[in-house]
Amino acid sequence: MAQPAGPYEAALAAIDAEHAKDPKKITVDGADVPYELHYAQKCTSYLSKHTPDASEALRLAVRAQHFRRWEVPRDSYPMTRVGYLTWRTHLKKRQADYVARICDEVGYKLDVTNRVSGLIRKEGLKDNEETQVLEDVACLVFLDDQFEQFEKEHNEEKILNILRKTWGKMTEKGHELALQIPMSGRPQELVQKALAG
């Protein structure tokens, strides 16, 4: 008879079950995978490289940082800087609230639930080591998994600005891992140009 899953395994399964509902698909190794499930798995992969001994709270927050994001598309807010920041703030709160409910349902104590939701909201960025790890992971997945498409959709000035901002958000450990991401052609040229100043 199988042993009942602990709260971490139960929470992870519930989070991934929601990620699997993303209607957007991406082809990975010849199979169509829901994009947010792919994104979450990439985040976990980078976390294991960055901080192999991460706490359960950080592992859950990293896995859930885009929780049901597809339900609130970017264009549902004004396509301005203020609109972007408002969208991001709304998403962080919404995602944190959903995941806090999952943590409660699987039996986590309030301190762990609060820690997970605080990390998803990126509270204490630059002051809190775990929040900064989550930020590093998000930046690494952007560079590894999203940058090539982003580069095709924007002008060079915007791309260089975003790359410099992304680099500025990261720790030295994040930089070290970012420089190991295989890139070639135009994406590689842009990264080199951005880092050269």
C-alpha atoms as a PDB file:
ATOM      1  CA  MET A   1       0.000   0.000   0.000  1.00  0.00           C
ATOM      2  CA  ALA A   2       1.414   3.389  -1.042  1.00  0.00           C
ATOM      3  CA  GLN A   3       2.375   5.799   1.696  1.00  0.00           C
ATOM      4  CA  PRO A   4       0.376   9.046   1.676  1.00  0.00           C
ATOM      5  CA  ALA A   5       2.283  11.935   0.152  1.00  0.00           C
ATOM      6  CA  GLY A   6       3.660  14.559   2.486  1.00  0.00           C
ATOM      7  CA  PRO A   7       2.597  18.191   2.159  1.00  0.00           C
ATOM      8  CA  TYR A   8       5.440  19.074  -0.222  1.00  0.00           C
ATOM      9  CA  GLU A   9       4.604  16.302  -2.699  1.00  0.00           C
ATOM     10  CA  ALA A  10       0.879  17.052  -2.442  1.00  0.00           C
ATOM     11  CA  ALA A  11       1.411  20.777  -3.015  1.00  0.00           C
ATOM     12  CA  LEU A  12       3.735  20.149  -5.963  1.00  0.00           C
ATOM     13  CA  ALA A  13       1.221  17.788  -7.566  1.00  0.00           C
ATOM     14  CA  ALA A  14      -1.595  20.348  -7.119  1.00  0.00           C
ATOM     15  CA  ILE A  15       0.547  23.139  -8.604  1.00  0.00           C
ATOM     16  CA  ASP A  16       1.558  21.040 -11.598  1.00  0.00           C
ATOM     17  CA  ALA A  17      -2.042  19.927 -12.168  1.00  0.00           C
ATOM     18  CA  GLU A  18      -2.948  23.615 -12.616  1.00  0.00           C
ATOM     19  CA  HIS A  19       0.083  24.267 -14.854  1.00  0.00           C
ATOM     20  CA  ALA A  20      -1.080  21.371 -17.043  1.00  0.00           C
ATOM     21  CA  LYS A  21      -4.302  23.299 -17.834  1.00  0.00           C
ATOM     22  CA  ASP A  22      -2.409  25.984 -19.784  1.00  0.00           C
ATOM     23  CA  PRO A  23      -3.914  25.940 -23.302  1.00  0.00           C
ATOM     24  CA  LYS A  24      -0.643  27.200 -24.829  1.00  0.00           C
ATOM     25  CA  LYS A  25       1.566  24.285 -25.846  1.00  0.00           C
ATOM     26  CA  ILE A  26       5.272  23.999 -26.565  1.00  0.00           C
ATOM     27  CA  THR A  27       7.004  21.093 -28.291  1.00  0.00           C
ATOM     28  CA  VAL A  28       9.631  19.502 -26.055  1.00  0.00           C
ATOM     29  CA  ASP A  29      11.469  16.405 -27.288  1.00  0.00           C
ATOM     30  CA  GLY A  30       8.750  15.807 -29.870  1.00  0.00           C
ATOM     31  CA  ALA A  31       5.843  16.029 -27.416  1.00  0.00           C
ATOM     32  CA  ASP A  32       3.369  18.870 -26.880  1.00  0.00           C
ATOM     33  CA  VAL A  33       3.595  20.129 -23.300  1.00  0.00           C
ATOM     34  CA  PRO A  34       1.536  22.882 -21.625  1.00  0.00           C
ATOM     35  CA  TYR A  35       3.816  25.935 -21.637  1.00  0.00           C
ATOM     36  CA  GLU A  36       3.454  26.829 -17.952  1.00  0.00           C
ATOM     37  CA  LEU A  37       4.268  23.260 -16.931  1.00  0.00           C
ATOM     38  CA  HIS A  38       7.395  23.447 -19.093  1.00  0.00           C
ATOM     39  CA  TYR A  39       8.262  26.849 -17.581  1.00  0.00           C
ATOM     40  CA  ALA A  40       7.790  25.568 -14.021  1.00  0.00           C
ATOM     41  CA  GLN A  41       9.976  22.530 -14.686  1.00  0.00           C
ATOM     42  CA  LYS A  42      12.683  24.795 -16.140  1.00  0.00           C
ATOM     43  CA  CYS A  43      12.515  26.930 -13.011  1.00  0.00           C
ATOM     44  CA  THR A  44      12.960  23.872 -10.806  1.00  0.00           C
ATOM     45  CA  SER A  45      15.896  22.725 -12.946  1.00  0.00           C
ATOM     46  CA  TYR A  46      17.650  26.078 -12.565  1.00  0.00           C
ATOM     47  CA  LEU A  47      16.920  26.177  -8.847  1.00  0.00           C
ATOM     48  CA  SER A  48      18.629  22.799  -8.427  1.00  0.00           C
ATOM     49  CA  LYS A  49      21.732  24.199 -10.162  1.00  0.00           C
ATOM     50  CA  HIS A  50      21.666  27.478  -8.249  1.00  0.00           C
ATOM     51  CA  THR A  51      20.691  26.332  -4.744  1.00  0.00           C
ATOM     52  CA  PRO A  52      20.569  22.528  -4.500  1.00  0.00           C
ATOM     53  CA  ASP A  53      19.653  22.648  -0.803  1.00  0.00           C
ATOM     54  CA  ALA A  54      16.751  25.093  -1.224  1.00  0.00           C
ATOM     55  CA  SER A  55      14.019  25.046   1.412  1.00  0.00           C
ATOM     56  CA  GLU A  56      10.616  23.523   0.642  1.00  0.00           C
ATOM     57  CA  ALA A  57       9.094  27.014   0.689  1.00  0.00           C
ATOM     58  CA  LEU A  58      11.530  28.248  -1.943  1.00  0.00           C
ATOM     59  CA  ARG A  59      11.116  25.120  -4.086  1.00  0.00           C
ATOM     60  CA  LEU A  60       7.328  25.560  -4.066  1.00  0.00           C
ATOM     61  CA  ALA A  61       7.521  29.304  -4.762  1.00  0.00           C
ATOM     62  CA  VAL A  62       9.884  28.786  -7.689  1.00  0.00           C
ATOM     63  CA  ARG A  63       7.624  26.056  -9.102  1.00  0.00           C
ATOM     64  CA  ALA A  64       4.519  28.247  -8.747  1.00  0.00           C
ATOM     65  CA  GLN A  65       5.733  31.741  -9.599  1.00  0.00           C
ATOM     66  CA  HIS A  66       3.681  31.852 -12.835  1.00  0.00           C
ATOM     67  CA  PHE A  67       0.665  30.070 -11.359  1.00  0.00           C
ATOM     68  CA  ARG A  68      -2.276  30.322 -13.832  1.00  0.00           C
ATOM     69  CA  ARG A  69      -0.644  33.365 -15.426  1.00  0.00           C
ATOM     70  CA  TRP A  70      -2.222  32.634 -18.809  1.00  0.00           C
ATOM     71  CA  GLU A  71      -5.618  33.614 -17.360  1.00  0.00           C
ATOM     72  CA  VAL A  72      -4.504  37.262 -17.107  1.00  0.00           C
ATOM     73  CA  PRO A  73      -2.795  38.137 -20.411  1.00  0.00           C
ATOM     74  CA  ARG A  74      -0.498  41.124 -20.638  1.00  0.00           C
ATOM     75  CA  ASP A  75      -2.842  42.904 -23.059  1.00  0.00           C
ATOM     76  CA  SER A  76      -5.648  42.865 -20.467  1.00  0.00           C
ATOM     77  CA  TYR A  77      -3.856  45.910 -19.011  1.00  0.00           C
ATOM     78  CA  PRO A  78      -2.784  49.094 -20.840  1.00  0.00           C
ATOM     79  CA  MET A  79       0.313  48.545 -22.990  1.00  0.00           C
ATOM     80  CA  THR A  80       2.287  51.180 -21.110  1.00  0.00           C
ATOM     81  CA  ARG A  81       5.007  51.050 -18.455  1.00  0.00           C
ATOM     82  CA  VAL A  82       2.418  51.775 -15.749  1.00  0.00           C
ATOM     83  CA  GLY A  83       0.108  49.141 -17.231  1.00  0.00           C
ATOM     84  CA  TYR A  84       2.941  46.604 -17.201  1.00  0.00           C
ATOM     85  CA  LEU A  85       3.836  47.296 -13.565  1.00  0.00           C
ATOM     86  CA  THR A  86       0.183  47.149 -12.512  1.00  0.00           C
ATOM     87  CA  TRP A  87      -0.231  43.826 -14.330  1.00  0.00           C
ATOM     88  CA  ARG A  88       2.870  42.386 -12.655  1.00  0.00           C
ATOM     89  CA  THR A  89       1.747  43.534  -9.188  1.00  0.00           C
ATOM     90  CA  HIS A  90      -1.715  42.034  -9.714  1.00  0.00           C
ATOM     91  CA  LEU A  91      -0.233  38.735 -10.944  1.00  0.00           C
ATOM     92  CA  LYS A  92       2.137  38.371  -8.000  1.00  0.00           C
ATOM     93  CA  LYS A  93      -0.683  38.881  -5.488  1.00  0.00           C
ATOM     94  CA  ARG A  94      -3.084  36.605  -7.389  1.00  0.00           C
ATOM     95  CA  GLN A  95      -0.503  33.831  -7.786  1.00  0.00           C
ATOM     96  CA  ALA A  96       0.548  34.077  -4.141  1.00  0.00           C
ATOM     97  CA  ASP A  97      -3.084  33.869  -2.943  1.00  0.00           C
ATOM     98  CA  TYR A  98      -3.840  30.787  -5.053  1.00  0.00           C
ATOM     99  CA  VAL A  99      -0.715  28.957  -3.925  1.00  0.00           C
ATOM    100  CA  ALA A 100      -1.282  29.894  -0.269  1.00  0.00           C
ATOM    101  CA  ARG A 101      -4.652  28.135  -0.507  1.00  0.00           C
ATOM    102  CA  ILE A 102      -2.949  25.010  -1.863  1.00  0.00           C
ATOM    103  CA  CYS A 103      -0.403  25.103   0.981  1.00  0.00           C
ATOM    104  CA  ASP A 104      -3.245  25.398   3.509  1.00  0.00           C
ATOM    105  CA  GLU A 105      -5.166  22.526   1.916  1.00  0.00           C
ATOM    106  CA  VAL A 106      -2.217  20.117   2.033  1.00  0.00           C
ATOM    107  CA  GLY A 107      -1.524  20.857   5.689  1.00  0.00           C
ATOM    108  CA  TYR A 108       1.370  23.287   5.781  1.00  0.00           C
ATOM    109  CA  LYS A 109       1.640  25.421   8.897  1.00  0.00           C
ATOM    110  CA  LEU A 110       0.904  29.117   8.511  1.00  0.00           C
ATOM    111  CA  ASP A 111       4.557  30.167   8.692  1.00  0.00           C
ATOM    112  CA  VAL A 112       5.448  28.021   5.659  1.00  0.00           C
ATOM    113  CA  THR A 113       2.357  29.133   3.747  1.00  0.00           C
ATOM    114  CA  ASN A 114       3.208  32.766   4.447  1.00  0.00           C
ATOM    115  CA  ARG A 115       6.803  32.208   3.374  1.00  0.00           C
ATOM    116  CA  VAL A 116       5.761  30.649   0.063  1.00  0.00           C
ATOM    117  CA  SER A 117       3.298  33.430  -0.732  1.00  0.00           C
ATOM    118  CA  GLY A 118       5.807  36.115   0.333  1.00  0.00           C
ATOM    119  CA  LEU A 119       8.403  34.660  -2.018  1.00  0.00           C
ATOM    120  CA  ILE A 120       5.940  34.586  -4.923  1.00  0.00           C
ATOM    121  CA  ARG A 121       5.186  38.270  -4.225  1.00  0.00           C
ATOM    122  CA  LYS A 122       8.988  38.804  -4.235  1.00  0.00           C
ATOM    123  CA  GLU A 123       8.912  40.467  -0.849  1.00  0.00           C
ATOM    124  CA  GLY A 124      12.281  41.675   0.404  1.00  0.00           C
ATOM    125  CA  LEU A 125      13.975  41.502  -2.985  1.00  0.00           C
ATOM    126  CA  LYS A 126      17.655  42.441  -2.554  1.00  0.00           C
ATOM    127  CA  ASP A 127      17.377  41.995   1.236  1.00  0.00           C
ATOM    128  CA  ASN A 128      16.153  38.407   1.428  1.00  0.00           C
ATOM    129  CA  GLU A 129      18.431  35.691   0.102  1.00  0.00           C
ATOM    130  CA  GLU A 130      15.617  33.316  -0.910  1.00  0.00           C
ATOM    131  CA  THR A 131      13.697  36.047  -2.744  1.00  0.00           C
ATOM    132  CA  GLN A 132      16.873  36.912  -4.625  1.00  0.00           C
ATOM    133  CA  VAL A 133      17.362  33.242  -5.575  1.00  0.00           C
ATOM    134  CA  LEU A 134      13.825  33.200  -6.998  1.00  0.00           C
ATOM    135  CA  GLU A 135      14.648  36.361  -8.991  1.00  0.00           C
ATOM    136  CA  ASP A 136      17.850  34.756 -10.314  1.00  0.00           C
ATOM    137  CA  VAL A 137      15.893  31.685 -11.406  1.00  0.00           C
ATOM    138  CA  ALA A 138      13.265  33.800 -13.207  1.00  0.00           C
ATOM    139  CA  CYS A 139      16.020  35.724 -15.036  1.00  0.00           C
ATOM    140  CA  LEU A 140      17.848  32.514 -15.993  1.00  0.00           C
ATOM    141  CA  VAL A 141      14.701  30.951 -17.442  1.00  0.00           C
ATOM    142  CA  PHE A 142      13.995  34.157 -19.388  1.00  0.00           C
ATOM    143  CA  LEU A 143      17.505  34.082 -20.894  1.00  0.00           C
ATOM    144  CA  ASP A 144      17.434  30.347 -21.602  1.00  0.00           C
ATOM    145  CA  ASP A 145      13.851  29.803 -22.671  1.00  0.00           C
ATOM    146  CA  GLN A 146      12.223  33.101 -23.683  1.00  0.00           C
ATOM    147  CA  PHE A 147      14.935  35.452 -24.902  1.00  0.00           C
ATOM    148  CA  GLU A 148      15.253  34.067 -28.418  1.00  0.00           C
ATOM    149  CA  GLN A 149      11.541  34.704 -29.121  1.00  0.00           C
ATOM    150  CA  PHE A 150      11.624  38.056 -27.296  1.00  0.00           C
ATOM    151  CA  GLU A 151      14.551  39.138 -29.452  1.00  0.00           C
ATOM    152  CA  LYS A 152      12.492  38.562 -32.612  1.00  0.00           C
ATOM    153  CA  GLU A 153       9.614  40.746 -31.389  1.00  0.00           C
ATOM    154  CA  HIS A 154      11.403  43.922 -30.224  1.00  0.00           C
ATOM    155  CA  ASN A 155      13.846  46.508 -31.491  1.00  0.00           C
ATOM    156  CA  GLU A 156      17.502  46.369 -30.496  1.00  0.00           C
ATOM    157  CA  GLU A 157      17.388  49.330 -28.101  1.00  0.00           C
ATOM    158  CA  LYS A 158      14.567  47.766 -26.077  1.00  0.00           C
ATOM    159  CA  ILE A 159      16.282  44.360 -26.077  1.00  0.00           C
ATOM    160  CA  LEU A 160      19.596  45.790 -24.834  1.00  0.00           C
ATOM    161  CA  ASN A 161      17.779  47.762 -22.122  1.00  0.00           C
ATOM    162  CA  ILE A 162      15.923  44.629 -20.932  1.00  0.00           C
ATOM    163  CA  LEU A 163      19.111  42.558 -20.977  1.00  0.00           C
ATOM    164  CA  ARG A 164      20.966  45.141 -18.879  1.00  0.00           C
ATOM    165  CA  LYS A 165      18.087  45.363 -16.407  1.00  0.00           C
ATOM    166  CA  THR A 166      17.902  41.568 -16.211  1.00  0.00           C
ATOM    167  CA  TRP A 167      21.646  41.335 -15.552  1.00  0.00           C
ATOM    168  CA  GLY A 168      21.368  44.038 -12.883  1.00  0.00           C
ATOM    169  CA  LYS A 169      18.722  42.035 -11.003  1.00  0.00           C
ATOM    170  CA  MET A 170      20.946  38.974 -10.685  1.00  0.00           C
ATOM    171  CA  THR A 171      23.583  37.872  -8.177  1.00  0.00           C
ATOM    172  CA  GLU A 172      27.086  36.729  -9.081  1.00  0.00           C
ATOM    173  CA  LYS A 173      25.862  33.119  -8.871  1.00  0.00           C
ATOM    174  CA  GLY A 174      23.085  34.003 -11.309  1.00  0.00           C
ATOM    175  CA  HIS A 175      25.612  35.623 -13.656  1.00  0.00           C
ATOM    176  CA  GLU A 176      27.801  32.528 -13.505  1.00  0.00           C
ATOM    177  CA  LEU A 177      24.903  30.269 -14.517  1.00  0.00           C
ATOM    178  CA  ALA A 178      23.714  32.713 -17.193  1.00  0.00           C
ATOM    179  CA  LEU A 179      27.109  32.661 -18.887  1.00  0.00           C
ATOM    180  CA  GLN A 180      26.787  28.869 -19.183  1.00  0.00           C
ATOM    181  CA  ILE A 181      23.561  29.093 -21.229  1.00  0.00           C
ATOM    182  CA  PRO A 182      24.347  27.982 -24.793  1.00  0.00           C
ATOM    183  CA  MET A 183      23.584  30.787 -27.248  1.00  0.00           C
ATOM    184  CA  SER A 184      24.610  31.505 -30.804  1.00  0.00           C
ATOM    185  CA  GLY A 185      23.879  33.936 -33.612  1.00  0.00           C
ATOM    186  CA  ARG A 186      21.876  37.078 -32.969  1.00  0.00           C
ATOM    187  CA  PRO A 187      20.882  36.298 -29.325  1.00  0.00           C
ATOM    188  CA  GLN A 188      24.534  35.767 -28.413  1.00  0.00           C
ATOM    189  CA  GLU A 189      25.566  39.001 -30.163  1.00  0.00           C
ATOM    190  CA  LEU A 190      22.917  40.982 -28.288  1.00  0.00           C
ATOM    191  CA  VAL A 191      23.898  39.556 -24.904  1.00  0.00           C
ATOM    192  CA  GLN A 192      27.568  40.356 -25.567  1.00  0.00           C
ATOM    193  CA  LYS A 193      26.669  43.870 -26.668  1.00  0.00           C
ATOM    194  CA  ALA A 194      24.466  44.451 -23.607  1.00  0.00           C
ATOM    195  CA  LEU A 195      27.146  43.240 -21.198  1.00  0.00           C
ATOM    196  CA  ALA A 196      29.818  45.325 -22.917  1.00  0.00           C
ATOM    197  CA  GLY A 197      27.788  48.399 -21.917  1.00  0.00           C
END
